[in-house]
Amino acid sequence: IMWIIRYLFESFVNPLPWSECQSDHICCLEDKTQYYWYYEHLRLSGDIRELGSFNPTLVVCLIIAWVTIFICISRGIKSSGKVVYFSATAPYVVLIILLFRGATLDGAKDGIIYFLQPEAKKLLDLSLWSDAASQIFYSLGIGFGAIVSFASFTKNCDNVIRDSIIITIVNCSTSVLGGFVIF
């Protein structure tokens, strides 16, 4: 959440910080966004033995994230249910808007065909399948702690197997919808 908060604040700066070099010779040799991520955002040091510098911006973002989490959790399960109405539906609204916007652009048909007809040689690459499995486990596991804690509030007669199947199907369908939006 800390990274999201930082990128949210930085996305309101004009021009975007990752869109241009800050007159560094390394930036000219690398991709601007990668340079920004490693050297400006992470402040990557040259060696593992170098401690690096303190990043107060990330500390502030981390404090904002923890305060937000505390406020959400301190009010209990009933108030967090109200937050879920917005936080669960808002990404789908944005994805559907972006899908319709993307469908009206030139070349949208070509992108969808490229998405639905993958290259056969790439399907034989094991690293592709490893990345796909990592993505699925990451997207299903990201809310595992919250799901377990909220599960303690369920009734004994609730069908947990049905709910887990629904969560898995919705998650995979969201990934496919995101693929259509991107391509």
C-alpha atoms as a PDB file:
ATOM      1  CA  ILE A   1       0.000   0.000   0.000  1.00  0.00           C
ATOM      2  CA  MET A   2       2.962   2.268   0.683  1.00  0.00           C
ATOM      3  CA  TRP A   3       4.077   2.066  -2.968  1.00  0.00           C
ATOM      4  CA  ILE A   4       0.527   2.758  -4.164  1.00  0.00           C
ATOM      5  CA  ILE A   5       0.283   5.873  -2.011  1.00  0.00           C
ATOM      6  CA  ARG A   6       3.645   7.148  -3.262  1.00  0.00           C
ATOM      7  CA  TYR A   7       2.735   6.564  -6.908  1.00  0.00           C
ATOM      8  CA  LEU A   8      -0.657   8.185  -6.343  1.00  0.00           C
ATOM      9  CA  PHE A   9       0.964  11.374  -5.050  1.00  0.00           C
ATOM     10  CA  GLU A  10       3.647  11.340  -7.743  1.00  0.00           C
ATOM     11  CA  SER A  11       1.121  10.850 -10.539  1.00  0.00           C
ATOM     12  CA  PHE A  12      -0.222  14.377  -9.906  1.00  0.00           C
ATOM     13  CA  VAL A  13       3.141  15.974 -10.731  1.00  0.00           C
ATOM     14  CA  ASN A  14       3.521  17.490 -14.193  1.00  0.00           C
ATOM     15  CA  PRO A  15       5.624  16.202 -15.910  1.00  0.00           C
ATOM     16  CA  LEU A  16       5.588  12.724 -14.418  1.00  0.00           C
ATOM     17  CA  PRO A  17       8.826  12.015 -12.539  1.00  0.00           C
ATOM     18  CA  TRP A  18       9.453   8.815 -14.505  1.00  0.00           C
ATOM     19  CA  SER A  19       8.917  10.450 -17.906  1.00  0.00           C
ATOM     20  CA  GLU A  20      12.238  12.274 -18.091  1.00  0.00           C
ATOM     21  CA  CYS A  21      15.824  11.922 -16.894  1.00  0.00           C
ATOM     22  CA  GLN A  22      17.185  13.982 -14.057  1.00  0.00           C
ATOM     23  CA  SER A  23      20.423  14.722 -16.035  1.00  0.00           C
ATOM     24  CA  ASP A  24      22.196  11.543 -14.941  1.00  0.00           C
ATOM     25  CA  HIS A  25      24.460   9.683 -17.336  1.00  0.00           C
ATOM     26  CA  ILE A  26      23.068   6.272 -16.245  1.00  0.00           C
ATOM     27  CA  CYS A  27      19.550   7.372 -17.195  1.00  0.00           C
ATOM     28  CA  CYS A  28      20.583   7.911 -20.796  1.00  0.00           C
ATOM     29  CA  LEU A  29      21.767   4.307 -21.004  1.00  0.00           C
ATOM     30  CA  GLU A  30      18.673   2.733 -19.445  1.00  0.00           C
ATOM     31  CA  ASP A  31      14.907   2.937 -19.804  1.00  0.00           C
ATOM     32  CA  LYS A  32      13.570   6.060 -18.054  1.00  0.00           C
ATOM     33  CA  THR A  33      10.974   4.189 -16.024  1.00  0.00           C
ATOM     34  CA  GLN A  34      13.439   1.517 -14.904  1.00  0.00           C
ATOM     35  CA  TYR A  35      15.945   4.193 -13.962  1.00  0.00           C
ATOM     36  CA  TYR A  36      13.308   6.006 -11.934  1.00  0.00           C
ATOM     37  CA  TRP A  37      12.219   2.805 -10.174  1.00  0.00           C
ATOM     38  CA  TYR A  38      15.703   1.625  -9.207  1.00  0.00           C
ATOM     39  CA  TYR A  39      17.630   4.841  -8.625  1.00  0.00           C
ATOM     40  CA  GLU A  40      15.045   7.463  -7.648  1.00  0.00           C
ATOM     41  CA  HIS A  41      12.272   5.405  -6.061  1.00  0.00           C
ATOM     42  CA  LEU A  42      14.187   2.546  -4.422  1.00  0.00           C
ATOM     43  CA  ARG A  43      17.449   4.494  -4.171  1.00  0.00           C
ATOM     44  CA  LEU A  44      19.316   1.320  -5.036  1.00  0.00           C
ATOM     45  CA  SER A  45      22.881   1.314  -3.814  1.00  0.00           C
ATOM     46  CA  GLY A  46      25.824   0.131  -5.865  1.00  0.00           C
ATOM     47  CA  ASP A  47      26.641  -2.858  -3.657  1.00  0.00           C
ATOM     48  CA  ILE A  48      24.894  -5.051  -1.122  1.00  0.00           C
ATOM     49  CA  ARG A  49      27.414  -3.924   1.495  1.00  0.00           C
ATOM     50  CA  GLU A  50      26.319  -0.285   1.090  1.00  0.00           C
ATOM     51  CA  LEU A  51      23.453   0.546   3.396  1.00  0.00           C
ATOM     52  CA  GLY A  52      22.012   3.294   1.228  1.00  0.00           C
ATOM     53  CA  SER A  53      20.206   6.415   2.308  1.00  0.00           C
ATOM     54  CA  PHE A  54      17.116   6.985   4.419  1.00  0.00           C
ATOM     55  CA  ASN A  55      13.961   7.626   2.369  1.00  0.00           C
ATOM     56  CA  PRO A  56      11.619   9.894   4.369  1.00  0.00           C
ATOM     57  CA  THR A  57       8.994   9.934   1.613  1.00  0.00           C
ATOM     58  CA  LEU A  58       8.489   6.178   1.941  1.00  0.00           C
ATOM     59  CA  VAL A  59       8.316   6.465   5.729  1.00  0.00           C
ATOM     60  CA  VAL A  60       5.517   9.037   5.450  1.00  0.00           C
ATOM     61  CA  CYS A  61       3.683   6.827   2.935  1.00  0.00           C
ATOM     62  CA  LEU A  62       4.102   3.830   5.254  1.00  0.00           C
ATOM     63  CA  ILE A  63       2.672   5.799   8.183  1.00  0.00           C
ATOM     64  CA  ILE A  64      -0.297   6.891   6.041  1.00  0.00           C
ATOM     65  CA  ALA A  65      -0.884   3.265   5.025  1.00  0.00           C
ATOM     66  CA  TRP A  66      -0.785   1.974   8.609  1.00  0.00           C
ATOM     67  CA  VAL A  67      -3.026   4.762   9.907  1.00  0.00           C
ATOM     68  CA  THR A  68      -5.520   3.989   7.133  1.00  0.00           C
ATOM     69  CA  ILE A  69      -5.436   0.280   7.978  1.00  0.00           C
ATOM     70  CA  PHE A  70      -5.852   1.041  11.688  1.00  0.00           C
ATOM     71  CA  ILE A  71      -8.877   3.262  11.040  1.00  0.00           C
ATOM     72  CA  CYS A  72     -10.482   0.589   8.862  1.00  0.00           C
ATOM     73  CA  ILE A  73      -9.861  -2.218  11.348  1.00  0.00           C
ATOM     74  CA  SER A  74     -10.625  -0.295  14.559  1.00  0.00           C
ATOM     75  CA  ARG A  75     -14.268   0.150  13.654  1.00  0.00           C
ATOM     76  CA  GLY A  76     -14.799  -3.587  13.331  1.00  0.00           C
ATOM     77  CA  ILE A  77     -16.254  -5.929  10.775  1.00  0.00           C
ATOM     78  CA  LYS A  78     -19.491  -4.000  10.259  1.00  0.00           C
ATOM     79  CA  SER A  79     -17.814  -0.808   9.048  1.00  0.00           C
ATOM     80  CA  SER A  80     -15.324  -2.670   6.864  1.00  0.00           C
ATOM     81  CA  GLY A  81     -18.262  -4.283   5.083  1.00  0.00           C
ATOM     82  CA  LYS A  82     -19.357  -0.808   4.005  1.00  0.00           C
ATOM     83  CA  VAL A  83     -15.878  -0.034   2.690  1.00  0.00           C
ATOM     84  CA  VAL A  84     -15.942  -3.240   0.640  1.00  0.00           C
ATOM     85  CA  TYR A  85     -19.002  -2.027  -1.283  1.00  0.00           C
ATOM     86  CA  PHE A  86     -16.854   0.709  -2.781  1.00  0.00           C
ATOM     87  CA  SER A  87     -13.422  -0.922  -2.858  1.00  0.00           C
ATOM     88  CA  ALA A  88     -14.698  -4.123  -4.480  1.00  0.00           C
ATOM     89  CA  THR A  89     -16.824  -2.500  -7.162  1.00  0.00           C
ATOM     90  CA  ALA A  90     -14.749   0.579  -8.080  1.00  0.00           C
ATOM     91  CA  PRO A  91     -11.970  -1.374  -9.873  1.00  0.00           C
ATOM     92  CA  TYR A  92     -14.566  -3.163 -12.002  1.00  0.00           C
ATOM     93  CA  VAL A  93     -16.211   0.126 -12.934  1.00  0.00           C
ATOM     94  CA  VAL A  94     -12.817   1.516 -13.966  1.00  0.00           C
ATOM     95  CA  LEU A  95     -11.938  -1.673 -15.901  1.00  0.00           C
ATOM     96  CA  ILE A  96     -15.248  -1.588 -17.794  1.00  0.00           C
ATOM     97  CA  ILE A  97     -14.815   2.106 -18.631  1.00  0.00           C
ATOM     98  CA  LEU A  98     -11.286   1.423 -19.885  1.00  0.00           C
ATOM     99  CA  LEU A  99     -12.550  -1.591 -21.847  1.00  0.00           C
ATOM    100  CA  PHE A 100     -15.127   0.506 -23.696  1.00  0.00           C
ATOM    101  CA  ARG A 101     -12.575   3.264 -24.256  1.00  0.00           C
ATOM    102  CA  GLY A 102     -10.024   0.787 -25.587  1.00  0.00           C
ATOM    103  CA  ALA A 103     -12.590  -0.852 -27.849  1.00  0.00           C
ATOM    104  CA  THR A 104     -13.166   2.481 -29.599  1.00  0.00           C
ATOM    105  CA  LEU A 105      -9.471   3.027 -30.402  1.00  0.00           C
ATOM    106  CA  ASP A 106      -7.870   2.219 -33.736  1.00  0.00           C
ATOM    107  CA  GLY A 107      -6.350  -1.255 -33.757  1.00  0.00           C
ATOM    108  CA  ALA A 108      -8.515  -2.601 -30.934  1.00  0.00           C
ATOM    109  CA  LYS A 109      -9.454  -5.628 -33.024  1.00  0.00           C
ATOM    110  CA  ASP A 110      -5.780  -6.394 -33.672  1.00  0.00           C
ATOM    111  CA  GLY A 111      -5.019  -6.215 -29.939  1.00  0.00           C
ATOM    112  CA  ILE A 112      -7.854  -8.580 -29.050  1.00  0.00           C
ATOM    113  CA  ILE A 113      -6.766 -11.044 -31.737  1.00  0.00           C
ATOM    114  CA  TYR A 114      -3.192 -10.858 -30.415  1.00  0.00           C
ATOM    115  CA  PHE A 115      -4.517 -11.522 -26.903  1.00  0.00           C
ATOM    116  CA  LEU A 116      -6.663 -14.496 -27.921  1.00  0.00           C
ATOM    117  CA  GLN A 117      -4.189 -16.127 -30.336  1.00  0.00           C
ATOM    118  CA  PRO A 118      -0.882 -16.535 -28.520  1.00  0.00           C
ATOM    119  CA  GLU A 119       2.314 -17.540 -30.280  1.00  0.00           C
ATOM    120  CA  ALA A 120       2.802 -21.313 -30.039  1.00  0.00           C
ATOM    121  CA  LYS A 121       6.571 -21.034 -29.458  1.00  0.00           C
ATOM    122  CA  LYS A 122       6.044 -18.827 -26.407  1.00  0.00           C
ATOM    123  CA  LEU A 123       3.618 -21.361 -24.911  1.00  0.00           C
ATOM    124  CA  LEU A 124       6.452 -23.908 -24.790  1.00  0.00           C
ATOM    125  CA  ASP A 125       8.605 -21.579 -22.656  1.00  0.00           C
ATOM    126  CA  LEU A 126       8.571 -22.790 -19.052  1.00  0.00           C
ATOM    127  CA  SER A 127       9.387 -19.358 -17.664  1.00  0.00           C
ATOM    128  CA  LEU A 128       6.083 -18.105 -19.125  1.00  0.00           C
ATOM    129  CA  TRP A 129       4.170 -20.776 -17.192  1.00  0.00           C
ATOM    130  CA  SER A 130       6.194 -20.013 -14.062  1.00  0.00           C
ATOM    131  CA  ASP A 131       5.303 -16.328 -14.356  1.00  0.00           C
ATOM    132  CA  ALA A 132       1.632 -17.209 -14.928  1.00  0.00           C
ATOM    133  CA  ALA A 133       1.532 -19.463 -11.862  1.00  0.00           C
ATOM    134  CA  SER A 134       3.236 -16.783  -9.771  1.00  0.00           C
ATOM    135  CA  GLN A 135       0.669 -14.228 -10.900  1.00  0.00           C
ATOM    136  CA  ILE A 136      -2.269 -16.480 -10.013  1.00  0.00           C
ATOM    137  CA  PHE A 137      -0.841 -17.407  -6.604  1.00  0.00           C
ATOM    138  CA  TYR A 138      -0.023 -13.784  -5.906  1.00  0.00           C
ATOM    139  CA  SER A 139      -3.458 -12.507  -6.884  1.00  0.00           C
ATOM    140  CA  LEU A 140      -5.252 -15.227  -4.919  1.00  0.00           C
ATOM    141  CA  GLY A 141      -2.927 -15.010  -1.939  1.00  0.00           C
ATOM    142  CA  ILE A 142      -2.777 -11.224  -1.569  1.00  0.00           C
ATOM    143  CA  GLY A 143      -5.911 -11.134   0.555  1.00  0.00           C
ATOM    144  CA  PHE A 144      -5.334 -14.431   2.320  1.00  0.00           C
ATOM    145  CA  GLY A 145      -4.812 -12.899   5.750  1.00  0.00           C
ATOM    146  CA  ALA A 146      -7.904 -10.723   5.489  1.00  0.00           C
ATOM    147  CA  ILE A 147      -9.975 -13.639   4.193  1.00  0.00           C
ATOM    148  CA  VAL A 148      -8.909 -15.809   7.117  1.00  0.00           C
ATOM    149  CA  SER A 149      -9.644 -13.088   9.672  1.00  0.00           C
ATOM    150  CA  PHE A 150     -13.031 -12.288   8.150  1.00  0.00           C
ATOM    151  CA  ALA A 151     -13.796 -16.025   7.962  1.00  0.00           C
ATOM    152  CA  SER A 152     -13.734 -16.136  11.746  1.00  0.00           C
ATOM    153  CA  PHE A 153     -16.903 -13.995  11.697  1.00  0.00           C
ATOM    154  CA  THR A 154     -18.851 -16.381   9.433  1.00  0.00           C
ATOM    155  CA  LYS A 155     -21.534 -18.694  10.639  1.00  0.00           C
ATOM    156  CA  ASN A 156     -20.802 -22.399  10.961  1.00  0.00           C
ATOM    157  CA  CYS A 157     -23.418 -23.238   8.342  1.00  0.00           C
ATOM    158  CA  ASP A 158     -21.830 -21.103   5.573  1.00  0.00           C
ATOM    159  CA  ASN A 159     -20.634 -23.003   2.504  1.00  0.00           C
ATOM    160  CA  VAL A 160     -16.906 -22.193   2.528  1.00  0.00           C
ATOM    161  CA  ILE A 161     -16.100 -24.427  -0.454  1.00  0.00           C
ATOM    162  CA  ARG A 162     -18.658 -22.623  -2.629  1.00  0.00           C
ATOM    163  CA  ASP A 163     -17.299 -19.249  -1.546  1.00  0.00           C
ATOM    164  CA  SER A 164     -13.707 -20.251  -2.338  1.00  0.00           C
ATOM    165  CA  ILE A 165     -14.727 -21.460  -5.803  1.00  0.00           C
ATOM    166  CA  ILE A 166     -16.578 -18.190  -6.443  1.00  0.00           C
ATOM    167  CA  ILE A 167     -13.527 -16.169  -5.332  1.00  0.00           C
ATOM    168  CA  THR A 168     -11.270 -18.193  -7.643  1.00  0.00           C
ATOM    169  CA  ILE A 169     -13.589 -17.801 -10.650  1.00  0.00           C
ATOM    170  CA  VAL A 170     -14.050 -14.067 -10.066  1.00  0.00           C
ATOM    171  CA  ASN A 171     -10.284 -13.626  -9.677  1.00  0.00           C
ATOM    172  CA  CYS A 172      -9.469 -15.447 -12.925  1.00  0.00           C
ATOM    173  CA  SER A 173     -12.282 -13.658 -14.769  1.00  0.00           C
ATOM    174  CA  THR A 174     -10.909 -10.341 -13.549  1.00  0.00           C
ATOM    175  CA  SER A 175      -7.491 -11.279 -14.931  1.00  0.00           C
ATOM    176  CA  VAL A 176      -9.039 -12.080 -18.317  1.00  0.00           C
ATOM    177  CA  LEU A 177     -11.002  -8.809 -18.263  1.00  0.00           C
ATOM    178  CA  GLY A 178      -7.770  -6.959 -17.428  1.00  0.00           C
ATOM    179  CA  GLY A 179      -6.107  -8.710 -20.375  1.00  0.00           C
ATOM    180  CA  PHE A 180      -8.818  -7.476 -22.734  1.00  0.00           C
ATOM    181  CA  VAL A 181      -8.455  -3.959 -21.342  1.00  0.00           C
ATOM    182  CA  ILE A 182      -4.678  -3.967 -21.816  1.00  0.00           C
ATOM    183  CA  PHE A 183      -4.595  -5.524 -25.273  1.00  0.00           C
END
